[in-house]
Amino acid sequence: MTISAHIEEINKELPPSTRLVAVSKFKPAEDIMEAYNSGLREFGENRPQEMQMKAQTLPQDIKWHFIGHLQTNKVKMIIDNAYLIHSVDSVKLAQEIDRQASLRSITKDCLIQIHIAMEETKQGFTSSEIRESIDILKSLKNIRICGVMGMASYVSETDQIRKEFASLKSEFDFLKENYFSDSEYFKEISMGMSGDYRIAIEEGSTIVRIGTGIFGIR
């Protein structure tokens, strides 16, 4: 199947409440343009330098999502081009995004990354850490917390994956009810990738991040 055909098949499965972000990391411009010409406008990258380069050379109406682990010293490389930063996994990172946004007199939309997987190598706030940190994150003037992001364990057990996605939805509901009840912009749950996006949709995902399912094996 072509990239366009993959996109068409995935779009048939997505409810109106769920958006598709095509994970284009390591993919050449011609592949991205095929997806673009099929109607996609939202693409995800996880390396600052690669996203910066693509943003400079590809169509200006693309909305670039930064989805990878972000070091504080690389924030300045993506701050001008990132439509949404999914991976805010520490107060220190949030404060640096806020500082860089303030220097530019802009407000940057971000998601709080929450650790829901069994693997310790995955990034994100724990449930207790986000409760300790949320007031600080909310107080930052030049970032806007629009929701949460999480990655499920890389396992074949669908019950485990479903449990982890359900836990992210519970974290979102807690934050929405207790801290963002009056904030229309706090509405995003970024979860689900090529192997598990169908479960994520069933558990309430508003953004699925699909790379292999669109572009094929890297």
N, C-alpha and C. Protein backbone atom coordinates (compact mmCIF):
# COMPACT_ATOMS: atom_id res chain seq x y z
N MET A 1 0.83 -1.21 0.00
CA MET A 1 0.00 0.00 0.00
C MET A 1 0.86 1.26 0.00
N THR A 2 0.36 2.29 -0.62
CA THR A 2 1.07 3.56 -0.65
C THR A 2 0.83 4.32 0.65
N ILE A 3 1.62 5.37 0.86
CA ILE A 3 1.41 6.24 2.02
C ILE A 3 0.00 6.80 2.00
N SER A 4 -0.45 7.24 0.86
CA SER A 4 -1.80 7.80 0.75
C SER A 4 -2.87 6.77 1.11
N ALA A 5 -2.67 5.54 0.67
CA ALA A 5 -3.64 4.49 0.97
C ALA A 5 -3.67 4.18 2.46
N HIS A 6 -2.50 4.16 3.09
CA HIS A 6 -2.46 3.93 4.54
C HIS A 6 -3.22 5.03 5.29
N ILE A 7 -3.01 6.26 4.88
CA ILE A 7 -3.70 7.38 5.53
C ILE A 7 -5.20 7.25 5.37
N GLU A 8 -5.63 6.90 4.18
CA GLU A 8 -7.06 6.74 3.92
C GLU A 8 -7.66 5.67 4.82
N GLU A 9 -6.97 4.56 4.99
CA GLU A 9 -7.48 3.47 5.83
C GLU A 9 -7.54 3.89 7.30
N ILE A 10 -6.50 4.57 7.78
CA ILE A 10 -6.49 5.01 9.18
C ILE A 10 -7.59 6.03 9.43
N ASN A 11 -7.76 6.96 8.51
CA ASN A 11 -8.79 7.99 8.69
C ASN A 11 -10.19 7.39 8.80
N LYS A 12 -10.41 6.27 8.15
CA LYS A 12 -11.71 5.62 8.24
C LYS A 12 -12.00 5.14 9.66
N GLU A 13 -10.95 4.87 10.44
CA GLU A 13 -11.11 4.35 11.79
C GLU A 13 -11.20 5.45 12.85
N LEU A 14 -10.83 6.65 12.50
CA LEU A 14 -10.77 7.71 13.49
C LEU A 14 -12.13 8.37 13.70
N PRO A 15 -12.58 8.48 14.94
CA PRO A 15 -13.80 9.24 15.22
C PRO A 15 -13.52 10.72 15.07
N PRO A 16 -14.54 11.56 14.97
CA PRO A 16 -14.33 13.01 14.83
C PRO A 16 -13.53 13.62 15.98
N SER A 17 -13.55 12.97 17.13
CA SER A 17 -12.86 13.51 18.31
C SER A 17 -11.37 13.20 18.34
N THR A 18 -10.86 12.45 17.36
CA THR A 18 -9.46 12.04 17.37
C THR A 18 -8.74 12.52 16.12
N ARG A 19 -7.60 13.18 16.33
CA ARG A 19 -6.79 13.69 15.23
C ARG A 19 -5.59 12.78 14.98
N LEU A 20 -5.14 12.78 13.74
CA LEU A 20 -4.00 11.98 13.33
C LEU A 20 -2.77 12.87 13.18
N VAL A 21 -1.72 12.51 13.91
CA VAL A 21 -0.40 13.13 13.71
C VAL A 21 0.50 12.08 13.07
N ALA A 22 1.01 12.39 11.90
CA ALA A 22 1.90 11.48 11.19
C ALA A 22 3.32 11.64 11.72
N VAL A 23 3.86 10.58 12.28
CA VAL A 23 5.21 10.63 12.84
C VAL A 23 6.21 10.48 11.70
N SER A 24 6.84 11.59 11.36
CA SER A 24 7.67 11.66 10.16
C SER A 24 9.16 11.63 10.45
N LYS A 25 9.54 11.30 11.69
CA LYS A 25 10.96 11.27 12.04
C LYS A 25 11.72 10.31 11.13
N PHE A 26 12.89 10.76 10.69
CA PHE A 26 13.79 10.01 9.81
C PHE A 26 13.25 9.84 8.39
N LYS A 27 12.09 10.39 8.11
CA LYS A 27 11.51 10.21 6.78
C LYS A 27 11.88 11.39 5.87
N PRO A 28 12.13 11.11 4.58
CA PRO A 28 12.53 12.16 3.66
C PRO A 28 11.37 13.07 3.29
N ALA A 29 11.71 14.21 2.72
CA ALA A 29 10.71 15.21 2.36
C ALA A 29 9.67 14.66 1.39
N GLU A 30 10.10 13.79 0.46
CA GLU A 30 9.14 13.29 -0.53
C GLU A 30 8.05 12.44 0.13
N ASP A 31 8.39 11.68 1.17
CA ASP A 31 7.38 10.91 1.88
C ASP A 31 6.42 11.83 2.63
N ILE A 32 6.98 12.84 3.26
CA ILE A 32 6.13 13.80 3.98
C ILE A 32 5.21 14.52 3.00
N MET A 33 5.71 14.86 1.85
CA MET A 33 4.90 15.56 0.86
C MET A 33 3.79 14.67 0.31
N GLU A 34 4.03 13.36 0.21
CA GLU A 34 2.95 12.48 -0.21
C GLU A 34 1.83 12.48 0.83
N ALA A 35 2.22 12.43 2.10
CA ALA A 35 1.21 12.51 3.16
C ALA A 35 0.52 13.87 3.16
N TYR A 36 1.30 14.92 2.95
CA TYR A 36 0.75 16.28 2.88
C TYR A 36 -0.27 16.40 1.73
N ASN A 37 0.09 15.88 0.59
CA ASN A 37 -0.80 15.95 -0.57
C ASN A 37 -2.03 15.07 -0.42
N SER A 38 -1.99 14.16 0.56
CA SER A 38 -3.18 13.36 0.89
C SER A 38 -4.09 14.07 1.89
N GLY A 39 -3.68 15.25 2.32
CA GLY A 39 -4.52 16.06 3.20
C GLY A 39 -4.00 16.26 4.61
N LEU A 40 -2.95 15.53 5.00
CA LEU A 40 -2.44 15.68 6.37
C LEU A 40 -1.69 17.00 6.52
N ARG A 41 -1.87 17.62 7.68
CA ARG A 41 -1.17 18.87 7.99
C ARG A 41 -0.43 18.81 9.33
N GLU A 42 -0.58 17.72 10.07
CA GLU A 42 0.05 17.61 11.38
C GLU A 42 1.06 16.46 11.37
N PHE A 43 2.32 16.82 11.68
CA PHE A 43 3.41 15.86 11.63
C PHE A 43 4.22 15.91 12.92
N GLY A 44 4.73 14.76 13.33
CA GLY A 44 5.47 14.66 14.58
C GLY A 44 6.93 14.34 14.37
N GLU A 45 7.80 15.05 15.09
CA GLU A 45 9.23 14.83 15.04
C GLU A 45 9.77 14.68 16.46
N ASN A 46 10.90 13.98 16.60
CA ASN A 46 11.45 13.79 17.94
C ASN A 46 12.90 14.22 18.08
N ARG A 47 13.44 14.84 17.03
CA ARG A 47 14.79 15.38 17.09
C ARG A 47 14.77 16.86 16.72
N PRO A 48 15.24 17.72 17.62
CA PRO A 48 15.12 19.16 17.37
C PRO A 48 15.73 19.63 16.06
N GLN A 49 16.94 19.16 15.76
CA GLN A 49 17.60 19.63 14.54
C GLN A 49 16.85 19.18 13.29
N GLU A 50 16.34 17.96 13.31
CA GLU A 50 15.60 17.46 12.15
C GLU A 50 14.29 18.23 11.96
N MET A 51 13.60 18.51 13.06
CA MET A 51 12.36 19.27 12.93
C MET A 51 12.64 20.68 12.44
N GLN A 52 13.68 21.29 12.95
CA GLN A 52 14.05 22.64 12.52
C GLN A 52 14.32 22.69 11.03
N MET A 53 15.07 21.71 10.52
CA MET A 53 15.40 21.66 9.10
C MET A 53 14.16 21.46 8.24
N LYS A 54 13.30 20.53 8.66
CA LYS A 54 12.09 20.26 7.87
C LYS A 54 11.14 21.45 7.88
N ALA A 55 11.04 22.12 9.02
CA ALA A 55 10.15 23.28 9.12
C ALA A 55 10.59 24.40 8.20
N GLN A 56 11.88 24.48 7.94
CA GLN A 56 12.40 25.53 7.08
C GLN A 56 12.21 25.24 5.60
N THR A 57 12.06 23.97 5.25
CA THR A 57 12.05 23.60 3.83
C THR A 57 10.71 23.07 3.32
N LEU A 58 9.82 22.68 4.24
CA LEU A 58 8.53 22.11 3.84
C LEU A 58 7.42 23.15 3.99
N PRO A 59 6.21 22.89 3.49
CA PRO A 59 5.16 23.91 3.48
C PRO A 59 4.91 24.54 4.85
N GLN A 60 4.67 25.84 4.81
CA GLN A 60 4.57 26.61 6.05
C GLN A 60 3.28 26.36 6.82
N ASP A 61 2.29 25.74 6.20
CA ASP A 61 1.05 25.48 6.93
C ASP A 61 1.07 24.14 7.67
N ILE A 62 2.20 23.44 7.64
CA ILE A 62 2.33 22.22 8.44
C ILE A 62 2.39 22.59 9.92
N LYS A 63 1.68 21.84 10.74
CA LYS A 63 1.73 22.00 12.19
C LYS A 63 2.66 20.92 12.74
N TRP A 64 3.80 21.35 13.24
CA TRP A 64 4.81 20.42 13.72
C TRP A 64 4.61 20.11 15.20
N HIS A 65 4.49 18.85 15.52
CA HIS A 65 4.37 18.39 16.89
C HIS A 65 5.72 17.84 17.34
N PHE A 66 6.23 18.32 18.46
CA PHE A 66 7.47 17.73 18.98
C PHE A 66 7.07 16.65 19.97
N ILE A 67 7.46 15.40 19.70
CA ILE A 67 6.94 14.26 20.46
C ILE A 67 8.03 13.49 21.21
N GLY A 68 9.29 13.89 21.06
CA GLY A 68 10.37 13.15 21.69
C GLY A 68 10.83 13.78 22.98
N HIS A 69 11.75 13.09 23.65
CA HIS A 69 12.35 13.64 24.86
C HIS A 69 13.11 14.90 24.49
N LEU A 70 12.86 15.98 25.23
CA LEU A 70 13.43 17.28 24.90
C LEU A 70 14.37 17.73 26.01
N GLN A 71 15.63 17.95 25.65
CA GLN A 71 16.59 18.49 26.61
C GLN A 71 16.41 20.00 26.70
N THR A 72 16.66 20.55 27.89
CA THR A 72 16.43 21.98 28.08
C THR A 72 17.29 22.82 27.14
N ASN A 73 18.50 22.37 26.84
CA ASN A 73 19.38 23.17 25.98
C ASN A 73 19.00 23.10 24.51
N LYS A 74 17.99 22.31 24.17
CA LYS A 74 17.51 22.21 22.78
C LYS A 74 16.17 22.92 22.57
N VAL A 75 15.60 23.47 23.64
CA VAL A 75 14.29 24.12 23.53
C VAL A 75 14.33 25.24 22.50
N LYS A 76 15.39 26.02 22.52
CA LYS A 76 15.47 27.16 21.61
C LYS A 76 15.48 26.74 20.14
N MET A 77 15.81 25.47 19.87
CA MET A 77 15.83 25.00 18.49
C MET A 77 14.44 24.70 17.95
N ILE A 78 13.49 24.43 18.85
CA ILE A 78 12.15 24.04 18.38
C ILE A 78 11.07 25.06 18.71
N ILE A 79 11.36 25.99 19.59
CA ILE A 79 10.31 26.86 20.15
C ILE A 79 9.57 27.64 19.06
N ASP A 80 10.27 28.02 18.00
CA ASP A 80 9.62 28.83 16.95
C ASP A 80 8.77 28.00 16.00
N ASN A 81 9.07 26.72 15.90
CA ASN A 81 8.39 25.88 14.90
C ASN A 81 7.38 24.91 15.48
N ALA A 82 7.47 24.60 16.76
CA ALA A 82 6.59 23.59 17.34
C ALA A 82 5.19 24.14 17.56
N TYR A 83 4.23 23.52 16.92
CA TYR A 83 2.82 23.86 17.13
C TYR A 83 2.36 23.36 18.50
N LEU A 84 2.81 22.16 18.89
CA LEU A 84 2.47 21.57 20.18
C LEU A 84 3.63 20.71 20.64
N ILE A 85 4.07 20.95 21.88
CA ILE A 85 5.13 20.14 22.49
C ILE A 85 4.47 19.10 23.38
N HIS A 86 4.59 17.82 23.00
CA HIS A 86 3.89 16.75 23.72
C HIS A 86 4.62 16.30 24.98
N SER A 87 5.91 16.55 25.05
CA SER A 87 6.77 15.81 25.98
C SER A 87 7.34 16.65 27.13
N VAL A 88 6.50 17.44 27.76
CA VAL A 88 6.95 18.18 28.94
C VAL A 88 6.96 17.21 30.12
N ASP A 89 8.16 16.76 30.48
CA ASP A 89 8.28 15.69 31.47
C ASP A 89 8.96 16.12 32.77
N SER A 90 9.17 17.43 32.94
CA SER A 90 9.76 17.92 34.18
C SER A 90 9.43 19.40 34.35
N VAL A 91 9.47 19.86 35.58
CA VAL A 91 9.27 21.28 35.86
C VAL A 91 10.38 22.10 35.22
N LYS A 92 11.60 21.60 35.30
CA LYS A 92 12.75 22.30 34.73
C LYS A 92 12.56 22.55 33.23
N LEU A 93 12.08 21.54 32.51
CA LEU A 93 11.84 21.71 31.08
C LEU A 93 10.73 22.72 30.83
N ALA A 94 9.66 22.62 31.59
CA ALA A 94 8.55 23.57 31.43
C ALA A 94 9.02 25.00 31.66
N GLN A 95 9.86 25.20 32.65
CA GLN A 95 10.36 26.54 32.95
C GLN A 95 11.24 27.08 31.83
N GLU A 96 12.01 26.20 31.19
CA GLU A 96 12.84 26.66 30.07
C GLU A 96 11.99 26.97 28.85
N ILE A 97 10.98 26.17 28.58
CA ILE A 97 10.06 26.49 27.48
C ILE A 97 9.39 27.83 27.75
N ASP A 98 8.96 28.04 28.98
CA ASP A 98 8.34 29.31 29.37
C ASP A 98 9.31 30.47 29.16
N ARG A 99 10.56 30.28 29.54
CA ARG A 99 11.56 31.35 29.41
C ARG A 99 11.80 31.69 27.94
N GLN A 100 11.98 30.67 27.13
CA GLN A 100 12.22 30.91 25.70
C GLN A 100 11.00 31.54 25.03
N ALA A 101 9.81 31.10 25.43
CA ALA A 101 8.58 31.70 24.88
C ALA A 101 8.45 33.16 25.30
N SER A 102 8.80 33.44 26.54
CA SER A 102 8.74 34.81 27.04
C SER A 102 9.67 35.73 26.26
N LEU A 103 10.85 35.25 25.94
CA LEU A 103 11.80 36.05 25.16
C LEU A 103 11.23 36.43 23.80
N ARG A 104 10.33 35.59 23.29
CA ARG A 104 9.73 35.82 21.97
C ARG A 104 8.34 36.43 22.06
N SER A 105 7.87 36.66 23.28
CA SER A 105 6.53 37.23 23.51
C SER A 105 5.44 36.37 22.88
N ILE A 106 5.58 35.06 23.07
CA ILE A 106 4.58 34.12 22.57
C ILE A 106 4.12 33.21 23.71
N THR A 107 3.04 32.50 23.48
CA THR A 107 2.58 31.46 24.39
C THR A 107 2.66 30.13 23.66
N LYS A 108 3.31 29.15 24.29
CA LYS A 108 3.54 27.87 23.62
C LYS A 108 2.64 26.79 24.22
N ASP A 109 1.89 26.11 23.37
CA ASP A 109 1.01 25.03 23.80
C ASP A 109 1.83 23.77 24.10
N CYS A 110 1.53 23.14 25.23
CA CYS A 110 2.29 21.98 25.69
C CYS A 110 1.35 20.93 26.28
N LEU A 111 1.84 19.69 26.30
CA LEU A 111 1.17 18.61 27.00
C LEU A 111 2.09 18.11 28.10
N ILE A 112 1.50 17.67 29.20
CA ILE A 112 2.25 17.07 30.29
C ILE A 112 2.44 15.60 29.99
N GLN A 113 3.69 15.16 29.92
CA GLN A 113 3.94 13.74 29.70
C GLN A 113 3.88 13.00 31.03
N ILE A 114 3.05 11.98 31.09
CA ILE A 114 2.86 11.20 32.30
C ILE A 114 3.34 9.77 32.07
N HIS A 115 4.09 9.26 33.02
CA HIS A 115 4.65 7.92 32.91
C HIS A 115 3.56 6.89 33.25
N ILE A 116 3.16 6.10 32.26
CA ILE A 116 2.11 5.10 32.48
C ILE A 116 2.60 3.69 32.19
N ALA A 117 3.80 3.54 31.61
CA ALA A 117 4.29 2.24 31.17
C ALA A 117 5.04 1.51 32.27
N MET A 118 5.25 0.22 32.04
CA MET A 118 6.06 -0.58 32.95
C MET A 118 7.54 -0.25 32.82
N GLU A 119 7.98 0.09 31.60
CA GLU A 119 9.40 0.36 31.38
C GLU A 119 9.84 1.63 32.11
N GLU A 120 10.91 1.50 32.89
CA GLU A 120 11.45 2.65 33.59
C GLU A 120 12.13 3.62 32.64
N THR A 121 12.49 3.14 31.46
CA THR A 121 13.21 4.00 30.52
C THR A 121 12.33 5.08 29.91
N LYS A 122 11.04 4.90 29.95
CA LYS A 122 10.14 5.91 29.39
C LYS A 122 10.07 7.12 30.33
N GLN A 123 9.91 8.29 29.72
CA GLN A 123 9.94 9.54 30.47
C GLN A 123 8.54 9.88 31.01
N GLY A 124 8.49 10.91 31.87
CA GLY A 124 7.21 11.44 32.30
C GLY A 124 7.07 11.59 33.80
N PHE A 125 6.14 12.45 34.19
CA PHE A 125 5.78 12.62 35.59
C PHE A 125 5.06 11.36 36.08
N THR A 126 5.31 10.98 37.31
CA THR A 126 4.45 9.99 37.95
C THR A 126 3.19 10.69 38.42
N SER A 127 2.20 9.90 38.83
CA SER A 127 0.95 10.48 39.32
C SER A 127 1.20 11.41 40.51
N SER A 128 2.04 10.98 41.44
CA SER A 128 2.32 11.82 42.61
C SER A 128 3.12 13.06 42.23
N GLU A 129 4.04 12.92 41.30
CA GLU A 129 4.85 14.07 40.89
C GLU A 129 4.02 15.15 40.22
N ILE A 130 3.05 14.75 39.41
CA ILE A 130 2.25 15.77 38.74
C ILE A 130 1.37 16.51 39.74
N ARG A 131 0.92 15.85 40.76
CA ARG A 131 0.13 16.52 41.79
C ARG A 131 0.98 17.51 42.58
N GLU A 132 2.25 17.19 42.76
CA GLU A 132 3.17 18.09 43.45
C GLU A 132 3.58 19.28 42.58
N SER A 133 3.51 19.11 41.27
CA SER A 133 4.07 20.10 40.35
C SER A 133 3.05 20.93 39.60
N ILE A 134 1.80 20.54 39.61
CA ILE A 134 0.83 21.16 38.72
C ILE A 134 0.64 22.65 38.99
N ASP A 135 0.70 23.06 40.24
CA ASP A 135 0.54 24.49 40.54
C ASP A 135 1.68 25.31 39.93
N ILE A 136 2.90 24.76 39.96
CA ILE A 136 4.03 25.46 39.34
C ILE A 136 3.83 25.54 37.84
N LEU A 137 3.43 24.44 37.23
CA LEU A 137 3.22 24.43 35.77
C LEU A 137 2.13 25.42 35.37
N LYS A 138 1.07 25.47 36.13
CA LYS A 138 -0.03 26.37 35.81
C LYS A 138 0.35 27.84 35.97
N SER A 139 1.33 28.10 36.83
CA SER A 139 1.71 29.48 37.11
C SER A 139 2.58 30.09 36.02
N LEU A 140 3.15 29.27 35.16
CA LEU A 140 4.01 29.78 34.10
C LEU A 140 3.18 30.56 33.08
N LYS A 141 3.63 31.75 32.74
CA LYS A 141 2.81 32.68 31.97
C LYS A 141 2.87 32.47 30.46
N ASN A 142 3.94 31.85 29.99
CA ASN A 142 4.12 31.76 28.54
C ASN A 142 4.03 30.34 27.98
N ILE A 143 3.50 29.42 28.79
CA ILE A 143 3.12 28.12 28.25
C ILE A 143 1.66 27.87 28.61
N ARG A 144 1.01 27.12 27.78
CA ARG A 144 -0.39 26.78 28.02
C ARG A 144 -0.52 25.26 28.03
N ILE A 145 -0.92 24.72 29.17
CA ILE A 145 -1.07 23.27 29.32
C ILE A 145 -2.39 22.85 28.69
N CYS A 146 -2.30 22.09 27.60
CA CYS A 146 -3.49 21.74 26.81
C CYS A 146 -3.96 20.31 27.04
N GLY A 147 -3.25 19.55 27.89
CA GLY A 147 -3.65 18.17 28.13
C GLY A 147 -2.48 17.31 28.54
N VAL A 148 -2.59 16.03 28.26
CA VAL A 148 -1.58 15.06 28.70
C VAL A 148 -1.15 14.17 27.55
N MET A 149 0.02 13.55 27.74
CA MET A 149 0.55 12.60 26.77
C MET A 149 1.13 11.42 27.52
N GLY A 150 1.04 10.23 26.93
CA GLY A 150 1.66 9.07 27.54
C GLY A 150 1.93 7.99 26.51
N MET A 151 2.88 7.11 26.84
CA MET A 151 3.23 5.97 25.98
C MET A 151 3.04 4.68 26.76
N ALA A 152 2.30 3.75 26.18
CA ALA A 152 2.05 2.47 26.84
C ALA A 152 3.28 1.58 26.73
N SER A 153 3.29 0.55 27.55
CA SER A 153 4.37 -0.43 27.51
C SER A 153 4.42 -1.10 26.14
N TYR A 154 5.63 -1.47 25.74
CA TYR A 154 5.82 -2.17 24.46
C TYR A 154 5.64 -3.67 24.71
N VAL A 155 4.39 -4.06 24.81
CA VAL A 155 4.05 -5.45 25.09
C VAL A 155 2.92 -5.89 24.16
N SER A 156 2.68 -7.19 24.13
CA SER A 156 1.61 -7.71 23.29
C SER A 156 0.30 -7.88 24.04
N GLU A 157 0.34 -7.78 25.37
CA GLU A 157 -0.86 -7.98 26.18
C GLU A 157 -1.77 -6.76 26.09
N THR A 158 -2.87 -6.91 25.38
CA THR A 158 -3.76 -5.77 25.18
C THR A 158 -4.39 -5.30 26.48
N ASP A 159 -4.61 -6.20 27.43
CA ASP A 159 -5.20 -5.80 28.71
C ASP A 159 -4.26 -4.83 29.44
N GLN A 160 -2.97 -5.08 29.38
CA GLN A 160 -2.00 -4.19 30.01
C GLN A 160 -1.99 -2.82 29.34
N ILE A 161 -2.00 -2.83 28.03
CA ILE A 161 -2.02 -1.57 27.28
C ILE A 161 -3.28 -0.78 27.60
N ARG A 162 -4.42 -1.45 27.60
CA ARG A 162 -5.68 -0.79 27.90
C ARG A 162 -5.67 -0.19 29.31
N LYS A 163 -5.12 -0.94 30.26
CA LYS A 163 -5.03 -0.45 31.64
C LYS A 163 -4.20 0.83 31.71
N GLU A 164 -3.11 0.86 30.98
CA GLU A 164 -2.23 2.03 31.01
C GLU A 164 -2.89 3.24 30.35
N PHE A 165 -3.55 3.02 29.23
CA PHE A 165 -4.26 4.13 28.59
C PHE A 165 -5.40 4.63 29.48
N ALA A 166 -6.09 3.72 30.15
CA ALA A 166 -7.17 4.12 31.06
C ALA A 166 -6.61 4.95 32.21
N SER A 167 -5.40 4.62 32.66
CA SER A 167 -4.80 5.39 33.75
C SER A 167 -4.45 6.80 33.29
N LEU A 168 -4.04 6.96 32.03
CA LEU A 168 -3.77 8.30 31.51
C LEU A 168 -5.05 9.11 31.40
N LYS A 169 -6.12 8.46 30.96
CA LYS A 169 -7.41 9.15 30.89
C LYS A 169 -7.85 9.57 32.29
N SER A 170 -7.59 8.76 33.30
CA SER A 170 -7.95 9.11 34.68
C SER A 170 -7.14 10.32 35.16
N GLU A 171 -5.86 10.37 34.79
CA GLU A 171 -5.04 11.53 35.15
C GLU A 171 -5.57 12.78 34.48
N PHE A 172 -5.94 12.66 33.22
CA PHE A 172 -6.52 13.81 32.51
C PHE A 172 -7.79 14.27 33.22
N ASP A 173 -8.67 13.34 33.55
CA ASP A 173 -9.93 13.70 34.21
C ASP A 173 -9.69 14.39 35.55
N PHE A 174 -8.71 13.90 36.32
CA PHE A 174 -8.38 14.51 37.61
C PHE A 174 -7.91 15.94 37.42
N LEU A 175 -7.00 16.14 36.48
CA LEU A 175 -6.47 17.49 36.25
C LEU A 175 -7.55 18.42 35.71
N LYS A 176 -8.38 17.90 34.83
CA LYS A 176 -9.45 18.72 34.27
C LYS A 176 -10.42 19.17 35.35
N GLU A 177 -10.83 18.25 36.20
CA GLU A 177 -11.81 18.57 37.23
C GLU A 177 -11.25 19.50 38.30
N ASN A 178 -9.99 19.30 38.68
CA ASN A 178 -9.44 20.01 39.82
C ASN A 178 -8.62 21.25 39.47
N TYR A 179 -8.13 21.34 38.24
CA TYR A 179 -7.25 22.45 37.91
C TYR A 179 -7.61 23.19 36.63
N PHE A 180 -8.33 22.55 35.72
CA PHE A 180 -8.59 23.17 34.43
C PHE A 180 -10.07 23.15 34.05
N SER A 181 -10.92 23.15 35.04
CA SER A 181 -12.36 23.01 34.75
C SER A 181 -12.89 24.17 33.91
N ASP A 182 -12.27 25.33 34.01
CA ASP A 182 -12.73 26.49 33.26
C ASP A 182 -11.89 26.75 32.01
N SER A 183 -11.03 25.81 31.66
CA SER A 183 -10.10 26.01 30.55
C SER A 183 -10.51 25.14 29.35
N GLU A 184 -11.09 25.76 28.34
CA GLU A 184 -11.52 25.02 27.16
C GLU A 184 -10.34 24.39 26.42
N TYR A 185 -9.17 25.00 26.54
CA TYR A 185 -8.00 24.51 25.82
C TYR A 185 -7.44 23.22 26.42
N PHE A 186 -7.76 22.92 27.68
CA PHE A 186 -7.27 21.67 28.27
C PHE A 186 -8.20 20.55 27.82
N LYS A 187 -7.84 19.92 26.71
CA LYS A 187 -8.76 18.97 26.08
C LYS A 187 -8.06 17.80 25.39
N GLU A 188 -6.71 17.79 25.37
CA GLU A 188 -6.00 16.81 24.57
C GLU A 188 -5.49 15.63 25.40
N ILE A 189 -5.67 14.43 24.87
CA ILE A 189 -5.07 13.21 25.41
C ILE A 189 -4.31 12.56 24.26
N SER A 190 -3.00 12.73 24.26
CA SER A 190 -2.16 12.21 23.19
C SER A 190 -1.68 10.82 23.59
N MET A 191 -2.28 9.81 23.02
CA MET A 191 -1.87 8.43 23.29
C MET A 191 -2.28 7.55 22.13
N GLY A 192 -1.45 6.54 21.90
CA GLY A 192 -1.72 5.61 20.81
C GLY A 192 -0.76 5.80 19.66
N MET A 193 -0.08 4.70 19.28
CA MET A 193 0.84 4.70 18.15
C MET A 193 0.43 3.59 17.19
N SER A 194 1.28 3.27 16.25
CA SER A 194 0.88 2.35 15.18
C SER A 194 0.34 1.03 15.70
N GLY A 195 0.94 0.48 16.75
CA GLY A 195 0.54 -0.83 17.22
C GLY A 195 -0.61 -0.86 18.19
N ASP A 196 -0.97 0.30 18.75
CA ASP A 196 -2.00 0.28 19.80
C ASP A 196 -3.01 1.42 19.70
N TYR A 197 -3.05 2.12 18.56
CA TYR A 197 -3.92 3.30 18.48
C TYR A 197 -5.40 2.96 18.56
N ARG A 198 -5.79 1.76 18.14
CA ARG A 198 -7.21 1.40 18.22
C ARG A 198 -7.66 1.30 19.67
N ILE A 199 -6.81 0.73 20.52
CA ILE A 199 -7.13 0.67 21.96
C ILE A 199 -7.16 2.08 22.53
N ALA A 200 -6.20 2.90 22.14
CA ALA A 200 -6.14 4.28 22.64
C ALA A 200 -7.41 5.06 22.30
N ILE A 201 -7.89 4.87 21.10
CA ILE A 201 -9.13 5.56 20.70
C ILE A 201 -10.29 5.12 21.59
N GLU A 202 -10.37 3.84 21.84
CA GLU A 202 -11.45 3.33 22.70
C GLU A 202 -11.35 3.88 24.12
N GLU A 203 -10.13 4.22 24.56
CA GLU A 203 -9.93 4.73 25.91
C GLU A 203 -9.93 6.25 25.99
N GLY A 204 -10.22 6.93 24.87
CA GLY A 204 -10.43 8.37 24.93
C GLY A 204 -9.38 9.25 24.29
N SER A 205 -8.48 8.68 23.50
CA SER A 205 -7.44 9.49 22.88
C SER A 205 -8.02 10.55 21.94
N THR A 206 -7.44 11.74 21.99
CA THR A 206 -7.81 12.80 21.05
C THR A 206 -6.74 13.01 19.99
N ILE A 207 -5.53 12.47 20.22
CA ILE A 207 -4.45 12.56 19.25
C ILE A 207 -3.74 11.21 19.19
N VAL A 208 -3.67 10.61 18.01
CA VAL A 208 -2.87 9.40 17.84
C VAL A 208 -1.65 9.76 17.01
N ARG A 209 -0.51 9.15 17.37
CA ARG A 209 0.78 9.46 16.74
C ARG A 209 1.22 8.22 15.96
N ILE A 210 1.07 8.25 14.65
CA ILE A 210 1.29 7.05 13.84
C ILE A 210 2.39 7.29 12.82
N GLY A 211 3.42 6.44 12.88
CA GLY A 211 4.53 6.55 11.93
C GLY A 211 4.60 5.34 11.02
N THR A 212 4.94 4.18 11.58
CA THR A 212 5.08 2.96 10.79
C THR A 212 3.80 2.62 10.03
N GLY A 213 2.66 2.85 10.67
CA GLY A 213 1.38 2.54 10.03
C GLY A 213 1.09 3.40 8.81
N ILE A 214 1.82 4.50 8.67
CA ILE A 214 1.67 5.37 7.50
C ILE A 214 2.83 5.20 6.53
N PHE A 215 4.06 5.31 7.07
CA PHE A 215 5.25 5.38 6.23
C PHE A 215 5.96 4.05 6.05
N GLY A 216 5.57 3.04 6.83
CA GLY A 216 6.25 1.76 6.76
C GLY A 216 7.41 1.68 7.74
N ILE A 217 8.09 0.55 7.76
CA ILE A 217 9.19 0.32 8.69
C ILE A 217 10.34 1.27 8.38
N ARG A 218 10.92 1.85 9.45
CA ARG A 218 12.04 2.75 9.27
C ARG A 218 13.32 1.96 9.01
